[in-house]
Amino acid sequence: MGSGIPVWSDLTISDGLKYISGSYKIAMVYSGDNSPMLVLENKHSYSWDICISASEVSSGVAFYSYDDIAQAFSNYGVSIYDMGQLHIFTSNYTEIYEVYAAPV
């Protein structure tokens, strides 16, 4: 599926921002009723500013495209250089098994 993003804990993906580019889609293998959301934290205020829904879901894998992520940045009037960390948010009864940066 792609190169695995380093191990994450506490719903934070270490070095996740380096995979937000046109070269990758973020892919999360999960089970549950709703796909997880990516949440990008502002490095200046530490607030969770941008929430991104999956652009595609297929057989228990949620995909997050660069175009959707870039559009979310634009909608909030910030740039990737303002972002500090990448988090994952899930609803009840959702389990995440793996997170990948899948080359496109």
N, C-alpha and C. Protein backbone atom coordinates (compact mmCIF):
# COMPACT_ATOMS: atom_id res chain seq x y z
N MET A 1 0.82 -1.19 0.00
CA MET A 1 0.00 0.00 0.00
C MET A 1 0.86 1.25 0.00
N GLY A 2 2.01 1.20 0.60
CA GLY A 2 2.87 2.37 0.64
C GLY A 2 3.81 2.27 1.81
N SER A 3 4.60 3.28 1.99
CA SER A 3 5.53 3.33 3.11
C SER A 3 4.78 3.74 4.37
N GLY A 4 5.00 3.03 5.46
CA GLY A 4 4.30 3.36 6.70
C GLY A 4 4.81 4.64 7.32
N ILE A 5 3.88 5.45 7.81
CA ILE A 5 4.26 6.62 8.60
C ILE A 5 4.77 6.09 9.93
N PRO A 6 5.77 6.72 10.54
CA PRO A 6 6.30 6.23 11.82
C PRO A 6 5.20 6.01 12.86
N VAL A 7 5.49 5.16 13.81
CA VAL A 7 4.53 4.80 14.84
C VAL A 7 3.94 6.04 15.49
N TRP A 8 2.64 6.03 15.71
CA TRP A 8 1.99 7.18 16.33
C TRP A 8 1.42 6.75 17.66
N SER A 9 1.30 7.71 18.53
CA SER A 9 0.68 7.46 19.82
C SER A 9 -0.06 8.71 20.23
N ASP A 10 -1.00 8.57 21.15
CA ASP A 10 -1.79 9.71 21.62
C ASP A 10 -2.43 10.46 20.46
N LEU A 11 -2.81 9.76 19.43
CA LEU A 11 -3.50 10.30 18.27
C LEU A 11 -2.66 11.31 17.48
N THR A 12 -1.34 11.29 17.65
CA THR A 12 -0.45 12.17 16.91
C THR A 12 0.44 11.34 15.99
N ILE A 13 0.57 11.77 14.75
CA ILE A 13 1.45 11.09 13.80
C ILE A 13 2.76 11.86 13.76
N SER A 14 3.83 11.25 14.24
CA SER A 14 5.12 11.94 14.23
C SER A 14 5.59 12.13 12.79
N ASP A 15 6.11 13.29 12.50
CA ASP A 15 6.61 13.64 11.17
C ASP A 15 5.54 13.54 10.08
N GLY A 16 4.28 13.58 10.45
CA GLY A 16 3.20 13.42 9.48
C GLY A 16 3.14 14.52 8.44
N LEU A 17 3.51 15.74 8.81
CA LEU A 17 3.40 16.85 7.86
C LEU A 17 4.31 16.68 6.66
N LYS A 18 5.41 15.96 6.80
CA LYS A 18 6.30 15.81 5.65
C LYS A 18 5.67 14.96 4.55
N TYR A 19 4.58 14.25 4.88
CA TYR A 19 3.89 13.43 3.89
C TYR A 19 2.72 14.15 3.24
N ILE A 20 2.47 15.39 3.64
CA ILE A 20 1.39 16.15 3.01
C ILE A 20 1.99 16.85 1.80
N SER A 21 1.86 16.19 0.68
CA SER A 21 2.35 16.73 -0.59
C SER A 21 1.60 16.03 -1.72
N GLY A 22 1.77 16.53 -2.91
CA GLY A 22 1.14 15.93 -4.08
C GLY A 22 1.69 14.55 -4.41
N SER A 23 2.74 14.13 -3.74
CA SER A 23 3.34 12.82 -3.99
C SER A 23 2.68 11.69 -3.21
N TYR A 24 1.85 12.03 -2.21
CA TYR A 24 1.26 11.03 -1.33
C TYR A 24 -0.23 11.27 -1.10
N LYS A 25 -0.91 10.19 -0.79
CA LYS A 25 -2.22 10.22 -0.15
C LYS A 25 -1.99 9.62 1.23
N ILE A 26 -2.65 10.16 2.22
CA ILE A 26 -2.62 9.54 3.55
C ILE A 26 -3.69 8.45 3.53
N ALA A 27 -3.34 7.26 3.97
CA ALA A 27 -4.28 6.14 4.00
C ALA A 27 -4.34 5.58 5.42
N MET A 28 -5.56 5.41 5.95
CA MET A 28 -5.75 4.84 7.28
C MET A 28 -6.58 3.58 7.17
N VAL A 29 -6.04 2.49 7.70
CA VAL A 29 -6.78 1.24 7.78
C VAL A 29 -7.53 1.26 9.10
N TYR A 30 -8.85 1.09 9.04
CA TYR A 30 -9.66 1.22 10.25
C TYR A 30 -10.87 0.29 10.18
N SER A 31 -11.53 0.14 11.31
CA SER A 31 -12.84 -0.51 11.33
C SER A 31 -13.75 0.37 12.16
N GLY A 32 -15.01 0.42 11.78
CA GLY A 32 -15.97 1.24 12.50
C GLY A 32 -16.99 1.84 11.57
N ASP A 33 -17.91 2.58 12.15
CA ASP A 33 -19.01 3.16 11.37
C ASP A 33 -18.59 4.39 10.57
N ASN A 34 -17.65 5.16 11.09
CA ASN A 34 -17.23 6.41 10.44
C ASN A 34 -15.73 6.42 10.24
N SER A 35 -15.31 6.96 9.11
CA SER A 35 -13.86 7.06 8.87
C SER A 35 -13.26 8.13 9.79
N PRO A 36 -12.00 7.95 10.17
CA PRO A 36 -11.31 8.93 11.01
C PRO A 36 -11.14 10.26 10.27
N MET A 37 -10.86 11.31 11.01
CA MET A 37 -10.57 12.62 10.43
C MET A 37 -9.13 12.99 10.73
N LEU A 38 -8.48 13.64 9.78
CA LEU A 38 -7.17 14.24 10.03
C LEU A 38 -7.40 15.59 10.68
N VAL A 39 -6.59 15.92 11.66
CA VAL A 39 -6.70 17.21 12.33
C VAL A 39 -5.31 17.82 12.36
N LEU A 40 -5.20 19.02 11.82
CA LEU A 40 -3.92 19.71 11.77
C LEU A 40 -3.88 20.80 12.82
N GLU A 41 -2.83 20.77 13.62
CA GLU A 41 -2.69 21.69 14.75
C GLU A 41 -1.84 22.90 14.33
N ASN A 42 -2.28 24.08 14.75
CA ASN A 42 -1.53 25.30 14.51
C ASN A 42 -0.34 25.35 15.47
N LYS A 43 0.87 25.50 14.92
CA LYS A 43 2.06 25.47 15.78
C LYS A 43 2.22 26.72 16.64
N HIS A 44 1.48 27.76 16.33
CA HIS A 44 1.58 28.99 17.10
C HIS A 44 0.61 29.01 18.28
N SER A 45 -0.61 28.50 18.06
CA SER A 45 -1.63 28.56 19.11
C SER A 45 -1.94 27.20 19.72
N TYR A 46 -1.42 26.14 19.12
CA TYR A 46 -1.67 24.76 19.54
C TYR A 46 -3.15 24.40 19.50
N SER A 47 -3.92 25.14 18.74
CA SER A 47 -5.34 24.80 18.56
C SER A 47 -5.47 23.82 17.40
N TRP A 48 -6.54 23.08 17.41
CA TRP A 48 -6.79 22.13 16.32
C TRP A 48 -7.62 22.86 15.29
N ASP A 49 -6.95 23.41 14.32
CA ASP A 49 -7.60 24.35 13.40
C ASP A 49 -8.28 23.73 12.20
N ILE A 50 -7.72 22.69 11.63
CA ILE A 50 -8.23 22.20 10.37
C ILE A 50 -8.58 20.72 10.50
N CYS A 51 -9.84 20.39 10.23
CA CYS A 51 -10.30 19.01 10.24
C CYS A 51 -10.58 18.59 8.80
N ILE A 52 -10.08 17.43 8.41
CA ILE A 52 -10.19 16.97 7.03
C ILE A 52 -10.82 15.59 7.01
N SER A 53 -11.94 15.48 6.30
CA SER A 53 -12.61 14.20 6.13
C SER A 53 -11.94 13.41 5.01
N ALA A 54 -12.16 12.11 5.01
CA ALA A 54 -11.62 11.26 3.95
C ALA A 54 -12.22 11.64 2.61
N SER A 55 -11.39 11.69 1.58
CA SER A 55 -11.88 11.99 0.24
C SER A 55 -12.39 10.74 -0.46
N GLU A 56 -11.96 9.58 0.07
CA GLU A 56 -12.37 8.30 -0.51
C GLU A 56 -12.28 7.24 0.59
N VAL A 57 -13.26 6.33 0.61
CA VAL A 57 -13.24 5.21 1.55
C VAL A 57 -13.50 3.94 0.76
N SER A 58 -12.64 2.94 0.95
CA SER A 58 -12.77 1.69 0.21
C SER A 58 -12.30 0.53 1.07
N SER A 59 -13.19 -0.41 1.36
CA SER A 59 -12.86 -1.64 2.08
C SER A 59 -12.09 -1.39 3.37
N GLY A 60 -12.57 -0.48 4.18
CA GLY A 60 -11.94 -0.23 5.47
C GLY A 60 -10.67 0.59 5.42
N VAL A 61 -10.43 1.26 4.30
CA VAL A 61 -9.28 2.16 4.18
C VAL A 61 -9.80 3.54 3.80
N ALA A 62 -9.46 4.54 4.60
CA ALA A 62 -9.83 5.93 4.32
C ALA A 62 -8.63 6.64 3.71
N PHE A 63 -8.87 7.35 2.61
CA PHE A 63 -7.81 8.08 1.91
C PHE A 63 -8.04 9.58 2.04
N TYR A 64 -6.95 10.31 2.23
CA TYR A 64 -6.97 11.76 2.36
C TYR A 64 -6.04 12.32 1.31
N SER A 65 -6.60 13.02 0.33
CA SER A 65 -5.80 13.50 -0.80
C SER A 65 -5.16 14.85 -0.49
N TYR A 66 -4.07 15.12 -1.17
CA TYR A 66 -3.39 16.40 -1.01
C TYR A 66 -4.30 17.54 -1.44
N ASP A 67 -5.08 17.35 -2.50
CA ASP A 67 -5.97 18.42 -2.97
C ASP A 67 -6.98 18.82 -1.89
N ASP A 68 -7.54 17.83 -1.19
CA ASP A 68 -8.49 18.14 -0.12
C ASP A 68 -7.80 18.84 1.05
N ILE A 69 -6.58 18.41 1.35
CA ILE A 69 -5.82 19.03 2.44
C ILE A 69 -5.47 20.47 2.08
N ALA A 70 -4.99 20.68 0.85
CA ALA A 70 -4.64 22.03 0.40
C ALA A 70 -5.87 22.94 0.39
N GLN A 71 -7.03 22.41 -0.02
CA GLN A 71 -8.25 23.21 -0.03
C GLN A 71 -8.65 23.60 1.39
N ALA A 72 -8.47 22.68 2.33
CA ALA A 72 -8.78 22.98 3.73
C ALA A 72 -7.88 24.11 4.25
N PHE A 73 -6.58 24.06 3.90
CA PHE A 73 -5.67 25.15 4.28
C PHE A 73 -6.19 26.47 3.74
N SER A 74 -6.55 26.47 2.46
CA SER A 74 -7.02 27.67 1.80
C SER A 74 -8.30 28.20 2.46
N ASN A 75 -9.22 27.30 2.80
CA ASN A 75 -10.48 27.71 3.44
C ASN A 75 -10.25 28.39 4.78
N TYR A 76 -9.21 27.99 5.49
CA TYR A 76 -8.91 28.56 6.80
C TYR A 76 -7.91 29.72 6.74
N GLY A 77 -7.41 30.01 5.55
CA GLY A 77 -6.49 31.14 5.40
C GLY A 77 -5.14 30.94 6.04
N VAL A 78 -4.67 29.69 6.09
CA VAL A 78 -3.36 29.39 6.67
C VAL A 78 -2.54 28.61 5.65
N SER A 79 -1.26 28.47 5.94
CA SER A 79 -0.40 27.68 5.06
C SER A 79 0.14 26.48 5.83
N ILE A 80 0.71 25.56 5.12
CA ILE A 80 1.28 24.37 5.76
C ILE A 80 2.40 24.76 6.73
N TYR A 81 3.02 25.91 6.50
CA TYR A 81 4.10 26.36 7.38
C TYR A 81 3.59 26.79 8.75
N ASP A 82 2.27 26.99 8.87
CA ASP A 82 1.66 27.33 10.15
C ASP A 82 1.29 26.09 10.97
N MET A 83 1.37 24.92 10.34
CA MET A 83 0.92 23.71 11.01
C MET A 83 2.04 23.06 11.80
N GLY A 84 1.71 22.60 13.00
CA GLY A 84 2.70 22.01 13.88
C GLY A 84 2.68 20.50 13.91
N GLN A 85 1.50 19.88 14.09
CA GLN A 85 1.42 18.44 14.18
C GLN A 85 0.17 17.94 13.47
N LEU A 86 0.21 16.66 13.14
CA LEU A 86 -0.91 15.99 12.49
C LEU A 86 -1.50 15.00 13.48
N HIS A 87 -2.79 15.13 13.73
CA HIS A 87 -3.49 14.26 14.68
C HIS A 87 -4.56 13.46 13.95
N ILE A 88 -5.06 12.45 14.64
CA ILE A 88 -6.17 11.66 14.13
C ILE A 88 -7.31 11.77 15.12
N PHE A 89 -8.51 11.99 14.62
CA PHE A 89 -9.69 12.04 15.46
C PHE A 89 -10.65 10.96 14.99
N THR A 90 -11.16 10.17 15.93
CA THR A 90 -12.13 9.13 15.58
C THR A 90 -13.38 9.30 16.42
N SER A 91 -14.46 8.74 15.91
CA SER A 91 -15.69 8.71 16.68
C SER A 91 -15.70 7.44 17.53
N ASN A 92 -16.72 7.31 18.35
CA ASN A 92 -16.86 6.08 19.15
C ASN A 92 -16.93 4.87 18.24
N TYR A 93 -16.44 3.77 18.74
CA TYR A 93 -16.51 2.48 18.05
C TYR A 93 -15.72 2.45 16.74
N THR A 94 -14.67 3.23 16.66
CA THR A 94 -13.77 3.20 15.50
C THR A 94 -12.38 2.86 15.99
N GLU A 95 -11.75 1.90 15.33
CA GLU A 95 -10.38 1.52 15.66
C GLU A 95 -9.50 1.75 14.45
N ILE A 96 -8.33 2.34 14.68
CA ILE A 96 -7.35 2.56 13.61
C ILE A 96 -6.24 1.53 13.77
N TYR A 97 -5.95 0.84 12.69
CA TYR A 97 -4.93 -0.22 12.74
C TYR A 97 -3.59 0.23 12.19
N GLU A 98 -3.62 0.98 11.10
CA GLU A 98 -2.36 1.42 10.47
C GLU A 98 -2.59 2.74 9.76
N VAL A 99 -1.53 3.51 9.64
CA VAL A 99 -1.55 4.77 8.89
C VAL A 99 -0.38 4.74 7.93
N TYR A 100 -0.65 5.07 6.66
CA TYR A 100 0.37 5.01 5.63
C TYR A 100 0.44 6.31 4.84
N ALA A 101 1.58 6.56 4.26
CA ALA A 101 1.73 7.57 3.22
C ALA A 101 1.86 6.78 1.92
N ALA A 102 0.77 6.74 1.15
CA ALA A 102 0.73 5.95 -0.06
C ALA A 102 1.15 6.81 -1.26
N PRO A 103 2.21 6.42 -1.95
CA PRO A 103 2.63 7.20 -3.13
C PRO A 103 1.53 7.23 -4.19
N VAL A 104 1.40 8.37 -4.85
CA VAL A 104 0.39 8.48 -5.93
C VAL A 104 1.06 8.57 -7.27
